[in-house]
PDB file of N, CA and C in Angstrom:
ATOM      1  N   MET A   1     135.683 120.767  73.501  1.00  0.00           N
ATOM      2  CA  MET A   1     136.156 122.013  72.549  1.00  0.00           C
ATOM      3  C   MET A   1     134.999 121.589  71.869  1.00  0.00           C
ATOM      4  N   SER A   2     134.730 121.010  71.236  1.00  0.00           N
ATOM      5  CA  SER A   2     133.471 120.875  70.253  1.00  0.00           C
ATOM      6  C   SER A   2     132.271 121.459  70.690  1.00  0.00           C
ATOM      7  N   PHE A   3     132.102 120.983  71.994  1.00  0.00           N
ATOM      8  CA  PHE A   3     131.114 121.951  72.404  1.00  0.00           C
ATOM      9  C   PHE A   3     130.982 123.030  72.544  1.00  0.00           C
ATOM     10  N   ILE A   4     131.934 123.330  72.964  1.00  0.00           N
ATOM     11  CA  ILE A   4     132.289 124.996  73.227  1.00  0.00           C
ATOM     12  C   ILE A   4     132.392 125.753  71.859  1.00  0.00           C
ATOM     13  N   GLY A   5     132.849 125.418  70.762  1.00  0.00           N
ATOM     14  CA  GLY A   5     132.611 125.729  68.970  1.00  0.00           C
ATOM     15  C   GLY A   5     131.233 125.467  68.623  1.00  0.00           C
ATOM     16  N   ASN A   6     131.106 124.636  69.164  1.00  0.00           N
ATOM     17  CA  ASN A   6     129.689 124.728  68.248  1.00  0.00           C
ATOM     18  C   ASN A   6     128.564 125.565  68.942  1.00  0.00           C
ATOM     19  N   VAL A   7     128.713 126.143  70.135  1.00  0.00           N
ATOM     20  CA  VAL A   7     127.671 126.855  70.799  1.00  0.00           C
ATOM     21  C   VAL A   7     128.313 128.672  70.314  1.00  0.00           C
ATOM     22  N   LEU A   8     129.227 128.841  69.826  1.00  0.00           N
ATOM     23  CA  LEU A   8     130.105 129.904  69.635  1.00  0.00           C
ATOM     24  C   LEU A   8     129.710 129.975  68.374  1.00  0.00           C
ATOM     25  N   TRP A   9     129.777 129.047  67.436  1.00  0.00           N
ATOM     26  CA  TRP A   9     129.304 128.725  65.804  1.00  0.00           C
ATOM     27  C   TRP A   9     127.852 129.075  65.822  1.00  0.00           C
ATOM     28  N   PHE A  10     126.647 128.610  66.767  1.00  0.00           N
ATOM     29  CA  PHE A  10     125.905 128.865  66.226  1.00  0.00           C
ATOM     30  C   PHE A  10     125.278 130.296  66.890  1.00  0.00           C
ATOM     31  N   ILE A  11     125.855 130.909  67.585  1.00  0.00           N
ATOM     32  CA  ILE A  11     125.901 132.425  67.594  1.00  0.00           C
ATOM     33  C   ILE A  11     126.136 133.152  66.916  1.00  0.00           C
ATOM     34  N   PHE A  12     127.854 132.971  66.283  1.00  0.00           N
ATOM     35  CA  PHE A  12     128.096 133.643  65.437  1.00  0.00           C
ATOM     36  C   PHE A  12     127.919 133.732  64.037  1.00  0.00           C
ATOM     37  N   GLY A  13     127.156 133.139  63.799  1.00  0.00           N
ATOM     38  CA  GLY A  13     126.885 132.780  62.009  1.00  0.00           C
ATOM     39  C   GLY A  13     126.278 131.344  61.827  1.00  0.00           C
ATOM     40  N   GLY A  14     126.393 130.312  62.589  1.00  0.00           N
ATOM     41  CA  GLY A  14     125.819 129.165  62.290  1.00  0.00           C
ATOM     42  C   GLY A  14     124.376 128.691  62.300  1.00  0.00           C
ATOM     43  N   PHE A  15     123.628 130.552  62.855  1.00  0.00           N
ATOM     44  CA  PHE A  15     122.733 129.902  62.708  1.00  0.00           C
ATOM     45  C   PHE A  15     121.419 130.649  61.512  1.00  0.00           C
ATOM     46  N   LEU A  16     122.720 131.697  60.901  1.00  0.00           N
ATOM     47  CA  LEU A  16     122.028 132.018  59.461  1.00  0.00           C
ATOM     48  C   LEU A  16     122.390 131.031  58.479  1.00  0.00           C
ATOM     49  N   SER A  17     123.623 129.744  58.311  1.00  0.00           N
ATOM     50  CA  SER A  17     123.893 129.152  57.595  1.00  0.00           C
ATOM     51  C   SER A  17     122.739 128.154  57.681  1.00  0.00           C
ATOM     52  N   GLY A  18     122.360 127.868  58.639  1.00  0.00           N
ATOM     53  CA  GLY A  18     121.671 126.411  59.055  1.00  0.00           C
ATOM     54  C   GLY A  18     120.313 126.959  58.740  1.00  0.00           C
ATOM     55  N   LEU A  19     119.790 128.447  58.507  1.00  0.00           N
ATOM     56  CA  LEU A  19     118.707 128.376  58.126  1.00  0.00           C
ATOM     57  C   LEU A  19     118.396 128.583  56.750  1.00  0.00           C
ATOM     58  N   SER A  20     119.931 129.174  56.142  1.00  0.00           N
ATOM     59  CA  SER A  20     119.356 128.763  54.444  1.00  0.00           C
ATOM     60  C   SER A  20     119.540 127.670  54.142  1.00  0.00           C
ATOM     61  N   TRP A  21     119.662 126.562  54.790  1.00  0.00           N
ATOM     62  CA  TRP A  21     119.719 125.066  54.548  1.00  0.00           C
ATOM     63  C   TRP A  21     118.370 124.745  54.631  1.00  0.00           C
ATOM     64  N   MET A  22     117.462 125.251  55.697  1.00  0.00           N
ATOM     65  CA  MET A  22     116.568 124.902  56.094  1.00  0.00           C
ATOM     66  C   MET A  22     115.531 125.478  54.885  1.00  0.00           C
ATOM     67  N   LEU A  23     115.921 126.799  54.883  1.00  0.00           N
ATOM     68  CA  LEU A  23     114.637 127.191  53.501  1.00  0.00           C
ATOM     69  C   LEU A  23     114.883 126.758  52.363  1.00  0.00           C
ATOM     70  N   SER A  24     116.192 126.439  52.027  1.00  0.00           N
ATOM     71  CA  SER A  24     116.316 125.858  50.736  1.00  0.00           C
ATOM     72  C   SER A  24     115.603 124.461  50.541  1.00  0.00           C
ATOM     73  N   GLY A  25     115.665 123.615  52.169  1.00  0.00           N
ATOM     74  CA  GLY A  25     115.230 122.638  51.906  1.00  0.00           C
ATOM     75  C   GLY A  25     113.570 122.304  51.837  1.00  0.00           C
ATOM     76  N   ILE A  26     113.163 123.543  52.651  1.00  0.00           N
ATOM     77  CA  ILE A  26     111.508 123.758  52.300  1.00  0.00           C
ATOM     78  C   ILE A  26     110.953 124.086  51.002  1.00  0.00           C
ATOM     79  N   ILE A  27     112.000 125.172  50.588  1.00  0.00           N
ATOM     80  CA  ILE A  27     111.571 125.162  48.839  1.00  0.00           C
ATOM     81  C   ILE A  27     111.792 123.925  48.084  1.00  0.00           C
ATOM     82  N   TRP A  28     112.720 123.300  48.248  1.00  0.00           N
ATOM     83  CA  TRP A  28     112.675 122.092  47.413  1.00  0.00           C
ATOM     84  C   TRP A  28     111.490 120.910  47.679  1.00  0.00           C
ATOM     85  N   CYS A  29     111.164 120.794  48.828  1.00  0.00           N
ATOM     86  CA  CYS A  29     110.170 119.961  49.441  1.00  0.00           C
ATOM     87  C   CYS A  29     108.417 120.372  48.922  1.00  0.00           C
ATOM     88  N   LEU A  30     108.893 121.931  48.267  1.00  0.00           N
ATOM     89  CA  LEU A  30     107.130 122.007  47.578  1.00  0.00           C
ATOM     90  C   LEU A  30     106.732 121.331  46.035  1.00  0.00           C
ATOM     91  N   THR A  31     107.640 120.492  45.759  1.00  0.00           N
ATOM     92  CA  THR A  31     107.492 119.668  44.508  1.00  0.00           C
ATOM     93  C   THR A  31     108.000 118.437  45.007  1.00  0.00           C
ATOM     94  N   ILE A  32     107.188 117.650  44.428  1.00  0.00           N
ATOM     95  CA  ILE A  32     107.486 116.157  44.637  1.00  0.00           C
ATOM     96  C   ILE A  32     109.015 115.679  44.280  1.00  0.00           C
ATOM     97  N   ILE A  33     109.429 116.261  42.858  1.00  0.00           N
ATOM     98  CA  ILE A  33     110.611 115.936  42.069  1.00  0.00           C
ATOM     99  C   ILE A  33     112.018 116.734  43.148  1.00  0.00           C
ATOM    100  N   GLY A  34     111.263 117.469  43.809  1.00  0.00           N
ATOM    101  CA  GLY A  34     112.233 118.199  44.639  1.00  0.00           C
ATOM    102  C   GLY A  34     112.474 117.316  46.086  1.00  0.00           C
ATOM    103  N   ILE A  35     111.835 116.485  46.592  1.00  0.00           N
ATOM    104  CA  ILE A  35     111.761 115.709  47.912  1.00  0.00           C
ATOM    105  C   ILE A  35     113.611 115.670  48.074  1.00  0.00           C
ATOM    106  N   PRO A  36     113.479 114.687  47.263  1.00  0.00           N
ATOM    107  CA  PRO A  36     115.451 114.323  47.522  1.00  0.00           C
ATOM    108  C   PRO A  36     116.484 115.304  48.038  1.00  0.00           C
ATOM    109  N   TYR A  37     115.935 116.319  47.357  1.00  0.00           N
ATOM    110  CA  TYR A  37     116.765 117.649  47.523  1.00  0.00           C
ATOM    111  C   TYR A  37     116.875 118.137  48.387  1.00  0.00           C
ATOM    112  N   GLY A  38     115.747 118.296  48.962  1.00  0.00           N
ATOM    113  CA  GLY A  38     115.139 118.850  50.123  1.00  0.00           C
ATOM    114  C   GLY A  38     115.814 117.918  51.709  1.00  0.00           C
ATOM    115  N   LYS A  39     115.266 116.774  51.360  1.00  0.00           N
ATOM    116  CA  LYS A  39     116.320 115.947  52.497  1.00  0.00           C
ATOM    117  C   LYS A  39     117.311 116.191  52.504  1.00  0.00           C
ATOM    118  N   GLN A  40     117.976 116.245  51.466  1.00  0.00           N
ATOM    119  CA  GLN A  40     119.407 116.599  51.448  1.00  0.00           C
ATOM    120  C   GLN A  40     119.677 117.960  52.124  1.00  0.00           C
ATOM    121  N   CYS A  41     119.142 118.558  51.867  1.00  0.00           N
ATOM    122  CA  CYS A  41     118.676 120.391  52.492  1.00  0.00           C
ATOM    123  C   CYS A  41     119.048 119.873  54.469  1.00  0.00           C
ATOM    124  N   PHE A  42     117.909 119.402  54.341  1.00  0.00           N
ATOM    125  CA  PHE A  42     117.588 119.133  55.956  1.00  0.00           C
ATOM    126  C   PHE A  42     118.604 118.546  56.276  1.00  0.00           C
ATOM    127  N   ARG A  43     119.642 117.563  55.836  1.00  0.00           N
ATOM    128  CA  ARG A  43     120.282 116.555  56.427  1.00  0.00           C
ATOM    129  C   ARG A  43     122.076 117.446  56.932  1.00  0.00           C
ATOM    130  N   PHE A  44     122.434 118.730  55.932  1.00  0.00           N
ATOM    131  CA  PHE A  44     122.993 119.234  56.054  1.00  0.00           C
ATOM    132  C   PHE A  44     122.855 120.746  56.661  1.00  0.00           C
ATOM    133  N   ALA A  45     121.252 121.361  56.857  1.00  0.00           N
ATOM    134  CA  ALA A  45     121.409 122.497  58.104  1.00  0.00           C
ATOM    135  C   ALA A  45     121.683 121.452  59.404  1.00  0.00           C
ATOM    136  N   LYS A  46     120.980 120.087  59.732  1.00  0.00           N
ATOM    137  CA  LYS A  46     121.868 119.974  61.281  1.00  0.00           C
ATOM    138  C   LYS A  46     123.316 120.113  60.837  1.00  0.00           C
ATOM    139  N   LEU A  47     124.230 119.444  60.039  1.00  0.00           N
ATOM    140  CA  LEU A  47     125.749 119.915  59.909  1.00  0.00           C
ATOM    141  C   LEU A  47     125.849 121.269  60.259  1.00  0.00           C
ATOM    142  N   SER A  48     125.261 122.234  59.454  1.00  0.00           N
ATOM    143  CA  SER A  48     125.211 123.062  59.558  1.00  0.00           C
ATOM    144  C   SER A  48     125.162 124.151  60.908  1.00  0.00           C
ATOM    145  N   PHE A  49     124.476 123.735  61.734  1.00  0.00           N
ATOM    146  CA  PHE A  49     124.453 124.419  63.176  1.00  0.00           C
ATOM    147  C   PHE A  49     125.176 123.665  63.843  1.00  0.00           C
ATOM    148  N   CYS A  50     125.336 122.762  63.659  1.00  0.00           N
ATOM    149  CA  CYS A  50     126.707 121.984  64.929  1.00  0.00           C
ATOM    150  C   CYS A  50     128.385 121.323  63.929  1.00  0.00           C
ATOM    151  N   PRO A  51     128.883 122.114  63.079  1.00  0.00           N
ATOM    152  CA  PRO A  51     130.127 121.662  62.152  1.00  0.00           C
ATOM    153  C   PRO A  51     131.246 121.327  63.169  1.00  0.00           C
ATOM    154  N   PHE A  52     131.417 121.874  64.562  1.00  0.00           N
ATOM    155  CA  PHE A  52     132.573 121.270  65.070  1.00  0.00           C
ATOM    156  C   PHE A  52     132.321 119.811  65.012  1.00  0.00           C
ATOM    157  N   GLY A  53     133.203 118.876  65.085  1.00  0.00           N
ATOM    158  CA  GLY A  53     133.758 118.110  65.421  1.00  0.00           C
ATOM    159  C   GLY A  53     132.900 117.037  64.461  1.00  0.00           C
ATOM    160  N   LYS A  54     132.576 117.330  63.386  1.00  0.00           N
ATOM    161  CA  LYS A  54     132.149 116.367  62.434  1.00  0.00           C
ATOM    162  C   LYS A  54     132.805 116.286  61.162  1.00  0.00           C
ATOM    163  N   ASP A  55     133.265 115.368  60.526  1.00  0.00           N
ATOM    164  CA  ASP A  55     133.727 115.547  58.512  1.00  0.00           C
ATOM    165  C   ASP A  55     132.882 114.935  57.656  1.00  0.00           C
ATOM    166  N   VAL A  56     133.285 115.289  56.953  1.00  0.00           N
ATOM    167  CA  VAL A  56     132.262 115.127  55.354  1.00  0.00           C
ATOM    168  C   VAL A  56     133.197 114.405  54.452  1.00  0.00           C
ATOM    169  N   GLU A  57     132.804 113.192  53.797  1.00  0.00           N
ATOM    170  CA  GLU A  57     133.491 112.389  52.842  1.00  0.00           C
ATOM    171  C   GLU A  57     132.873 112.466  51.826  1.00  0.00           C
ATOM    172  N   TYR A  58     133.632 113.008  51.227  1.00  0.00           N
ATOM    173  CA  TYR A  58     133.196 112.925  49.516  1.00  0.00           C
ATOM    174  C   TYR A  58     133.160 111.674  48.916  1.00  0.00           C
ATOM    175  N   GLY A  59     132.112 111.093  48.048  1.00  0.00           N
ATOM    176  CA  GLY A  59     132.027 110.548  46.890  1.00  0.00           C
ATOM    177  C   GLY A  59     131.314 110.627  45.820  1.00  0.00           C
ATOM    178  N   GLY A  60     130.514 109.427  45.808  1.00  0.00           N
ATOM    179  CA  GLY A  60     129.537 109.510  44.442  1.00  0.00           C
ATOM    180  C   GLY A  60     129.712 108.700  43.259  1.00  0.00           C
ATOM    181  N   GLY A  61     128.633 108.831  42.419  1.00  0.00           N
ATOM    182  CA  GLY A  61     128.818 108.150  41.749  1.00  0.00           C
ATOM    183  C   GLY A  61     127.911 109.198  40.217  1.00  0.00           C
ATOM    184  N   ALA A  62     127.266 108.665  38.951  1.00  0.00           N
ATOM    185  CA  ALA A  62     127.343 109.439  37.775  1.00  0.00           C
ATOM    186  C   ALA A  62     125.765 110.213  38.387  1.00  0.00           C
ATOM    187  N   ILE A  63     124.577 109.000  39.069  1.00  0.00           N
ATOM    188  CA  ILE A  63     123.695 109.499  39.929  1.00  0.00           C
ATOM    189  C   ILE A  63     123.834 111.122  40.172  1.00  0.00           C
ATOM    190  N   SER A  64     125.037 110.933  41.489  1.00  0.00           N
ATOM    191  CA  SER A  64     125.503 111.779  42.285  1.00  0.00           C
ATOM    192  C   SER A  64     125.745 113.380  41.117  1.00  0.00           C
ATOM    193  N   LEU A  65     126.349 113.002  40.688  1.00  0.00           N
ATOM    194  CA  LEU A  65     126.886 113.942  39.476  1.00  0.00           C
ATOM    195  C   LEU A  65     125.941 114.919  38.872  1.00  0.00           C
ATOM    196  N   ILE A  66     125.107 114.208  38.082  1.00  0.00           N
ATOM    197  CA  ILE A  66     123.546 114.546  37.641  1.00  0.00           C
ATOM    198  C   ILE A  66     123.190 115.661  38.840  1.00  0.00           C
ATOM    199  N   ALA A  67     122.941 115.239  39.992  1.00  0.00           N
ATOM    200  CA  ALA A  67     122.280 115.726  40.902  1.00  0.00           C
ATOM    201  C   ALA A  67     122.482 116.897  41.332  1.00  0.00           C
ATOM    202  N   ASN A  68     124.117 117.044  41.245  1.00  0.00           N
ATOM    203  CA  ASN A  68     125.269 117.985  41.680  1.00  0.00           C
ATOM    204  C   ASN A  68     124.875 119.238  40.605  1.00  0.00           C
ATOM    205  N   ILE A  69     124.720 118.577  39.532  1.00  0.00           N
ATOM    206  CA  ILE A  69     124.616 119.539  38.132  1.00  0.00           C
ATOM    207  C   ILE A  69     123.090 120.709  38.582  1.00  0.00           C
ATOM    208  N   ILE A  70     122.329 119.956  38.662  1.00  0.00           N
ATOM    209  CA  ILE A  70     121.000 120.170  39.295  1.00  0.00           C
ATOM    210  C   ILE A  70     121.414 121.269  40.119  1.00  0.00           C
ATOM    211  N   TRP A  71     121.745 120.591  41.368  1.00  0.00           N
ATOM    212  CA  TRP A  71     121.578 121.870  42.294  1.00  0.00           C
ATOM    213  C   TRP A  71     122.375 122.662  42.502  1.00  0.00           C
ATOM    214  N   ILE A  72     123.559 123.084  41.361  1.00  0.00           N
ATOM    215  CA  ILE A  72     124.420 123.927  41.061  1.00  0.00           C
ATOM    216  C   ILE A  72     123.841 125.090  40.319  1.00  0.00           C
ATOM    217  N   ILE A  73     123.023 124.747  39.725  1.00  0.00           N
ATOM    218  CA  ILE A  73     122.371 125.517  38.845  1.00  0.00           C
ATOM    219  C   ILE A  73     120.940 126.125  39.159  1.00  0.00           C
ATOM    220  N   PHE A  74     120.163 125.699  40.199  1.00  0.00           N
ATOM    221  CA  PHE A  74     119.392 126.382  41.282  1.00  0.00           C
ATOM    222  C   PHE A  74     119.714 126.867  42.478  1.00  0.00           C
ATOM    223  N   PHE A  75     120.882 126.457  43.496  1.00  0.00           N
ATOM    224  CA  PHE A  75     120.768 126.794  44.565  1.00  0.00           C
ATOM    225  C   PHE A  75     122.347 126.631  44.984  1.00  0.00           C
ATOM    226  N   GLY A  76     123.439 125.465  44.097  1.00  0.00           N
ATOM    227  CA  GLY A  76     124.424 125.878  44.738  1.00  0.00           C
ATOM    228  C   GLY A  76     125.584 126.698  44.688  1.00  0.00           C
ATOM    229  N   LEU A  77     125.301 127.441  43.706  1.00  0.00           N
ATOM    230  CA  LEU A  77     126.198 128.654  43.467  1.00  0.00           C
ATOM    231  C   LEU A  77     125.950 129.567  44.760  1.00  0.00           C
ATOM    232  N   PRO A  78     124.928 130.288  44.756  1.00  0.00           N
ATOM    233  CA  PRO A  78     124.507 131.111  46.238  1.00  0.00           C
ATOM    234  C   PRO A  78     124.643 130.911  47.657  1.00  0.00           C
ATOM    235  N   MET A  79     124.894 129.480  47.699  1.00  0.00           N
ATOM    236  CA  MET A  79     124.804 129.008  49.055  1.00  0.00           C
ATOM    237  C   MET A  79     126.728 128.758  49.228  1.00  0.00           C
ATOM    238  N   ALA A  80     127.345 128.838  48.217  1.00  0.00           N
ATOM    239  CA  ALA A  80     128.349 128.369  48.097  1.00  0.00           C
ATOM    240  C   ALA A  80     129.230 129.279  48.355  1.00  0.00           C
ATOM    241  N   PHE A  81     128.927 130.505  47.706  1.00  0.00           N
ATOM    242  CA  PHE A  81     128.852 132.171  47.517  1.00  0.00           C
ATOM    243  C   PHE A  81     129.063 132.382  49.116  1.00  0.00           C
ATOM    244  N   GLU A  82     127.875 132.417  49.538  1.00  0.00           N
ATOM    245  CA  GLU A  82     127.157 133.021  51.005  1.00  0.00           C
ATOM    246  C   GLU A  82     128.412 132.529  51.836  1.00  0.00           C
ATOM    247  N   ASN A  83     128.632 130.796  52.088  1.00  0.00           N
ATOM    248  CA  ASN A  83     129.510 130.542  52.860  1.00  0.00           C
ATOM    249  C   ASN A  83     130.957 130.712  53.073  1.00  0.00           C
ATOM    250  N   LEU A  84     131.474 131.218  51.255  1.00  0.00           N
ATOM    251  CA  LEU A  84     132.324 131.446  51.095  1.00  0.00           C
ATOM    252  C   LEU A  84     132.992 132.712  51.631  1.00  0.00           C
ATOM    253  N   VAL A  85     132.227 133.954  51.524  1.00  0.00           N
ATOM    254  CA  VAL A  85     132.147 135.210  51.902  1.00  0.00           C
ATOM    255  C   VAL A  85     132.211 135.444  53.442  1.00  0.00           C
ATOM    256  N   PHE A  86     131.164 134.315  54.381  1.00  0.00           N
ATOM    257  CA  PHE A  86     131.519 134.340  55.865  1.00  0.00           C
ATOM    258  C   PHE A  86     132.498 133.802  55.827  1.00  0.00           C
ATOM    259  N   GLY A  87     133.086 132.927  55.057  1.00  0.00           N
ATOM    260  CA  GLY A  87     134.615 132.177  55.831  1.00  0.00           C
ATOM    261  C   GLY A  87     135.759 132.779  55.796  1.00  0.00           C
ATOM    262  N   CYS A  88     135.582 133.922  54.443  1.00  0.00           N
ATOM    263  CA  CYS A  88     136.731 135.122  54.482  1.00  0.00           C
ATOM    264  C   CYS A  88     136.421 135.649  55.527  1.00  0.00           C
ATOM    265  N   LEU A  89     135.646 136.170  55.535  1.00  0.00           N
ATOM    266  CA  LEU A  89     135.386 137.451  57.043  1.00  0.00           C
ATOM    267  C   LEU A  89     135.427 137.057  58.019  1.00  0.00           C
ATOM    268  N   TRP A  90     135.694 135.713  58.023  1.00  0.00           N
ATOM    269  CA  TRP A  90     136.165 135.185  59.894  1.00  0.00           C
ATOM    270  C   TRP A  90     137.657 134.956  59.591  1.00  0.00           C
ATOM    271  N   CYS A  91     138.012 134.918  58.471  1.00  0.00           N
ATOM    272  CA  CYS A  91     139.295 134.445  58.492  1.00  0.00           C
ATOM    273  C   CYS A  91     140.497 135.869  58.837  1.00  0.00           C
ATOM    274  N   VAL A  92     139.830 137.192  58.939  1.00  0.00           N
ATOM    275  CA  VAL A  92     140.523 138.203  58.536  1.00  0.00           C
ATOM    276  C   VAL A  92     141.057 138.051  60.314  1.00  0.00           C
ATOM    277  N   THR A  93     140.488 137.778  60.950  1.00  0.00           N
ATOM    278  CA  THR A  93     141.040 137.620  62.336  1.00  0.00           C
ATOM    279  C   THR A  93     141.576 136.491  62.949  1.00  0.00           C
ATOM    280  N   ILE A  94     142.523 136.288  63.923  1.00  0.00           N
ATOM    281  CA  ILE A  94     143.679 134.852  64.093  1.00  0.00           C
ATOM    282  C   ILE A  94     142.192 134.134  64.682  1.00  0.00           C
ATOM    283  N   VAL A  95     141.629 135.008  65.870  1.00  0.00           N
ATOM    284  CA  VAL A  95     140.312 133.972  66.377  1.00  0.00           C
ATOM    285  C   VAL A  95     139.564 133.404  65.448  1.00  0.00           C
ATOM    286  N   GLY A  96     139.184 133.850  64.639  1.00  0.00           N
ATOM    287  CA  GLY A  96     137.901 133.935  63.868  1.00  0.00           C
ATOM    288  C   GLY A  96     138.659 132.744  62.767  1.00  0.00           C
ATOM    289  N   ILE A  97     139.585 132.086  62.679  1.00  0.00           N
ATOM    290  CA  ILE A  97     140.358 131.505  61.567  1.00  0.00           C
ATOM    291  C   ILE A  97     139.317 129.688  62.102  1.00  0.00           C
ATOM    292  N   PRO A  98     139.427 129.306  63.008  1.00  0.00           N
ATOM    293  CA  PRO A  98     138.279 128.007  63.343  1.00  0.00           C
ATOM    294  C   PRO A  98     136.901 127.851  62.520  1.00  0.00           C
ATOM    295  N   PHE A  99     136.465 129.345  62.772  1.00  0.00           N
ATOM    296  CA  PHE A  99     134.966 129.292  62.073  1.00  0.00           C
ATOM    297  C   PHE A  99     135.060 129.648  60.575  1.00  0.00           C
ATOM    298  N   GLY A 100     136.159 130.556  60.361  1.00  0.00           N
ATOM    299  CA  GLY A 100     135.884 130.290  58.359  1.00  0.00           C
ATOM    300  C   GLY A 100     136.356 129.413  58.052  1.00  0.00           C
ATOM    301  N   LEU A 101     137.053 128.521  58.699  1.00  0.00           N
ATOM    302  CA  LEU A 101     137.494 127.044  58.111  1.00  0.00           C
ATOM    303  C   LEU A 101     136.234 126.095  58.186  1.00  0.00           C
ATOM    304  N   GLN A 102     135.214 126.165  59.145  1.00  0.00           N
ATOM    305  CA  GLN A 102     134.095 125.987  58.687  1.00  0.00           C
ATOM    306  C   GLN A 102     132.777 126.512  58.072  1.00  0.00           C
ATOM    307  N   PHE A 103     133.148 127.423  57.929  1.00  0.00           N
ATOM    308  CA  PHE A 103     132.290 128.008  56.530  1.00  0.00           C
ATOM    309  C   PHE A 103     133.309 127.221  55.146  1.00  0.00           C
ATOM    310  N   PHE A 104     134.314 127.333  55.013  1.00  0.00           N
ATOM    311  CA  PHE A 104     134.610 126.969  53.783  1.00  0.00           C
ATOM    312  C   PHE A 104     134.395 125.568  53.879  1.00  0.00           C
ATOM    313  N   LYS A 105     134.469 124.397  54.906  1.00  0.00           N
ATOM    314  CA  LYS A 105     134.085 123.551  54.670  1.00  0.00           C
ATOM    315  C   LYS A 105     132.637 123.273  54.356  1.00  0.00           C
ATOM    316  N   ILE A 106     131.659 123.964  54.522  1.00  0.00           N
ATOM    317  CA  ILE A 106     130.144 124.053  54.550  1.00  0.00           C
ATOM    318  C   ILE A 106     129.813 124.747  53.027  1.00  0.00           C
ATOM    319  N   ALA A 107     130.624 125.523  52.614  1.00  0.00           N
ATOM    320  CA  ALA A 107     130.911 125.897  51.601  1.00  0.00           C
ATOM    321  C   ALA A 107     131.419 124.954  50.366  1.00  0.00           C
ATOM    322  N   LYS A 108     131.991 124.225  50.431  1.00  0.00           N
ATOM    323  CA  LYS A 108     132.388 123.393  49.457  1.00  0.00           C
ATOM    324  C   LYS A 108     131.228 121.832  49.546  1.00  0.00           C
ATOM    325  N   LEU A 109     130.382 121.798  50.398  1.00  0.00           N
ATOM    326  CA  LEU A 109     129.240 120.799  50.631  1.00  0.00           C
ATOM    327  C   LEU A 109     128.397 121.555  50.196  1.00  0.00           C
ATOM    328  N   ALA A 110     128.097 122.912  49.952  1.00  0.00           N
ATOM    329  CA  ALA A 110     126.754 123.665  49.657  1.00  0.00           C
ATOM    330  C   ALA A 110     127.197 123.631  47.750  1.00  0.00           C
ATOM    331  N   PHE A 111     128.156 123.433  47.652  1.00  0.00           N
ATOM    332  CA  PHE A 111     128.932 123.078  45.957  1.00  0.00           C
ATOM    333  C   PHE A 111     128.806 122.128  45.677  1.00  0.00           C
ATOM    334  N   ALA A 112     128.743 120.710  45.938  1.00  0.00           N
ATOM    335  CA  ALA A 112     128.321 119.553  45.646  1.00  0.00           C
ATOM    336  C   ALA A 112     127.978 118.472  46.549  1.00  0.00           C
ATOM    337  N   PRO A 113     126.547 119.031  47.336  1.00  0.00           N
ATOM    338  CA  PRO A 113     126.201 118.304  48.272  1.00  0.00           C
ATOM    339  C   PRO A 113     125.581 116.616  48.389  1.00  0.00           C
ATOM    340  N   PHE A 114     125.475 116.355  47.203  1.00  0.00           N
ATOM    341  CA  PHE A 114     125.298 114.961  46.846  1.00  0.00           C
ATOM    342  C   PHE A 114     126.231 113.705  46.727  1.00  0.00           C
ATOM    343  N   GLY A 115     126.171 112.361  47.280  1.00  0.00           N
ATOM    344  CA  GLY A 115     127.125 111.631  47.246  1.00  0.00           C
ATOM    345  C   GLY A 115     128.584 112.032  48.386  1.00  0.00           C
ATOM    346  N   THR A 116     127.792 112.643  49.249  1.00  0.00           N
ATOM    347  CA  THR A 116     128.585 112.698  50.427  1.00  0.00           C
ATOM    348  C   THR A 116     128.025 112.073  52.058  1.00  0.00           C
ATOM    349  N   LYS A 117     129.228 112.268  53.044  1.00  0.00           N
ATOM    350  CA  LYS A 117     128.816 111.555  54.375  1.00  0.00           C
ATOM    351  C   LYS A 117     129.123 112.163  55.215  1.00  0.00           C
ATOM    352  N   VAL A 118     128.423 112.451  56.116  1.00  0.00           N
ATOM    353  CA  VAL A 118     128.805 113.139  57.414  1.00  0.00           C
ATOM    354  C   VAL A 118     129.090 112.019  58.715  1.00  0.00           C
ATOM    355  N   LYS A 119     130.244 112.592  58.638  1.00  0.00           N
ATOM    356  CA  LYS A 119     130.630 111.317  60.070  1.00  0.00           C
ATOM    357  C   LYS A 119     130.613 112.028  61.183  1.00  0.00           C
TER     358      LYS A 119
END
């Protein structure tokens, strides 16, 4: 089921979501200071392209909190809002609810990506 879900996801919105993560990673990697942020973006682009069958575990500490605050200021709010809007649009229909839930999972991740593990 997760293979079919990931294929449909990629076609109907996952490509754009993953592309936004890739673009953010490229922009962050333009500076030496932003490379850790860029690497995190590339890791979550992989998740965003195929989210079905994967879980996100949240944790972290003080360093993750500081990194998340910097992330929210520059990229977190627009990316979280983008995924939240797509999630709401998908949840309008019963068939789209699984896709909407994946967008909500990525929206939460886009708001605070540091200190997380993808399983």
